[in-house]
Amino acid sequence: MSNVKKLKQLSFFFTICCVSEIMADYVWQIQKLKKEMTDYDGGFI
């Protein structure tokens, strides 16, 4: 029983790590896009 519990905790932890990594990458992409858009607006106007 304890092995199953440990395995569940491990898989949960792994899922959290993967999700946070994907989220960080997603946020970084959005910030990069925002920066490019503001740079473009600043140069355009």
N, C-alpha and C. Protein backbone atom coordinates (compact mmCIF):
# COMPACT_ATOMS: atom_id res chain seq x y z
N MET A 1 0.83 -1.20 0.00
CA MET A 1 0.00 0.00 0.00
C MET A 1 0.88 1.26 0.00
N SER A 2 1.92 1.25 0.80
CA SER A 2 2.78 2.43 0.88
C SER A 2 3.51 2.67 -0.44
N ASN A 3 3.82 1.59 -1.15
CA ASN A 3 4.50 1.73 -2.45
C ASN A 3 3.59 2.42 -3.45
N VAL A 4 2.33 2.03 -3.45
CA VAL A 4 1.36 2.65 -4.37
C VAL A 4 1.21 4.14 -4.04
N LYS A 5 1.15 4.43 -2.75
CA LYS A 5 1.01 5.82 -2.32
C LYS A 5 2.22 6.63 -2.75
N LYS A 6 3.40 6.05 -2.58
CA LYS A 6 4.64 6.73 -2.96
C LYS A 6 4.67 6.98 -4.46
N LEU A 7 4.23 5.99 -5.22
CA LEU A 7 4.22 6.09 -6.68
C LEU A 7 3.26 7.20 -7.12
N LYS A 8 2.10 7.27 -6.46
CA LYS A 8 1.13 8.32 -6.79
C LYS A 8 1.71 9.70 -6.50
N GLN A 9 2.39 9.83 -5.35
CA GLN A 9 3.00 11.12 -5.00
C GLN A 9 4.05 11.50 -6.03
N LEU A 10 4.83 10.51 -6.46
CA LEU A 10 5.90 10.75 -7.42
C LEU A 10 5.32 11.20 -8.77
N SER A 11 4.29 10.51 -9.22
CA SER A 11 3.67 10.87 -10.51
C SER A 11 3.02 12.25 -10.42
N PHE A 12 2.44 12.55 -9.26
CA PHE A 12 1.83 13.86 -9.04
C PHE A 12 2.89 14.95 -9.12
N PHE A 13 4.01 14.71 -8.44
CA PHE A 13 5.12 15.66 -8.43
C PHE A 13 5.65 15.87 -9.85
N PHE A 14 5.78 14.77 -10.59
CA PHE A 14 6.28 14.82 -11.97
C PHE A 14 5.33 15.64 -12.85
N THR A 15 4.03 15.43 -12.64
CA THR A 15 3.03 16.17 -13.41
C THR A 15 3.13 17.66 -13.11
N ILE A 16 3.27 18.00 -11.84
CA ILE A 16 3.40 19.41 -11.44
C ILE A 16 4.62 20.04 -12.11
N CYS A 17 5.73 19.30 -12.10
CA CYS A 17 6.96 19.81 -12.71
C CYS A 17 6.75 20.07 -14.20
N CYS A 18 6.15 19.12 -14.89
CA CYS A 18 5.92 19.26 -16.33
C CYS A 18 5.01 20.45 -16.61
N VAL A 19 3.93 20.54 -15.86
CA VAL A 19 2.96 21.62 -16.07
C VAL A 19 3.61 22.98 -15.83
N SER A 20 4.38 23.10 -14.74
CA SER A 20 5.02 24.38 -14.43
C SER A 20 6.03 24.76 -15.50
N GLU A 21 6.71 23.76 -16.05
CA GLU A 21 7.70 24.03 -17.10
C GLU A 21 6.98 24.53 -18.36
N ILE A 22 5.86 23.88 -18.70
CA ILE A 22 5.08 24.29 -19.88
C ILE A 22 4.53 25.70 -19.66
N MET A 23 4.02 25.96 -18.46
CA MET A 23 3.48 27.28 -18.15
C MET A 23 4.55 28.36 -18.26
N ALA A 24 5.73 28.07 -17.73
CA ALA A 24 6.83 29.04 -17.78
C ALA A 24 7.19 29.36 -19.23
N ASP A 25 7.24 28.32 -20.06
CA ASP A 25 7.57 28.51 -21.47
C ASP A 25 6.48 29.34 -22.15
N TYR A 26 5.21 29.05 -21.81
CA TYR A 26 4.07 29.75 -22.38
C TYR A 26 4.11 31.24 -22.01
N VAL A 27 4.37 31.50 -20.72
CA VAL A 27 4.45 32.89 -20.24
C VAL A 27 5.58 33.63 -20.94
N TRP A 28 6.72 32.94 -21.09
CA TRP A 28 7.88 33.55 -21.74
C TRP A 28 7.54 33.92 -23.18
N GLN A 29 6.84 33.04 -23.88
CA GLN A 29 6.45 33.30 -25.27
C GLN A 29 5.54 34.52 -25.34
N ILE A 30 4.58 34.61 -24.41
CA ILE A 30 3.64 35.74 -24.40
C ILE A 30 4.39 37.04 -24.14
N GLN A 31 5.31 37.03 -23.15
CA GLN A 31 6.07 38.24 -22.84
C GLN A 31 6.91 38.67 -24.03
N LYS A 32 7.50 37.69 -24.73
CA LYS A 32 8.31 37.99 -25.90
C LYS A 32 7.44 38.62 -26.99
N LEU A 33 6.24 38.06 -27.18
CA LEU A 33 5.32 38.57 -28.18
C LEU A 33 4.88 39.99 -27.82
N LYS A 34 4.56 40.22 -26.54
CA LYS A 34 4.16 41.56 -26.10
C LYS A 34 5.28 42.56 -26.35
N LYS A 35 6.52 42.17 -26.04
CA LYS A 35 7.66 43.05 -26.23
C LYS A 35 7.82 43.40 -27.70
N GLU A 36 7.69 42.40 -28.57
CA GLU A 36 7.82 42.64 -30.01
C GLU A 36 6.71 43.57 -30.49
N MET A 37 5.50 43.38 -29.97
CA MET A 37 4.38 44.22 -30.39
C MET A 37 4.58 45.66 -29.92
N THR A 38 5.04 45.84 -28.69
CA THR A 38 5.25 47.21 -28.18
C THR A 38 6.41 47.87 -28.91
N ASP A 39 7.45 47.10 -29.22
CA ASP A 39 8.58 47.64 -29.98
C ASP A 39 8.09 48.08 -31.35
N TYR A 40 7.24 47.27 -31.97
CA TYR A 40 6.71 47.57 -33.29
C TYR A 40 5.84 48.83 -33.25
N ASP A 41 4.98 48.90 -32.23
CA ASP A 41 4.11 50.08 -32.08
C ASP A 41 4.95 51.34 -31.88
N GLY A 42 5.97 51.22 -31.04
CA GLY A 42 6.82 52.37 -30.75
C GLY A 42 7.54 52.86 -32.01
N GLY A 43 8.00 51.92 -32.83
CA GLY A 43 8.71 52.29 -34.04
C GLY A 43 7.77 52.77 -35.13
N PHE A 44 6.55 52.26 -35.11
CA PHE A 44 5.59 52.56 -36.17
C PHE A 44 4.99 53.95 -36.01
N ILE A 45 4.66 54.30 -34.75
CA ILE A 45 3.97 55.58 -34.51
C ILE A 45 4.94 56.75 -34.42
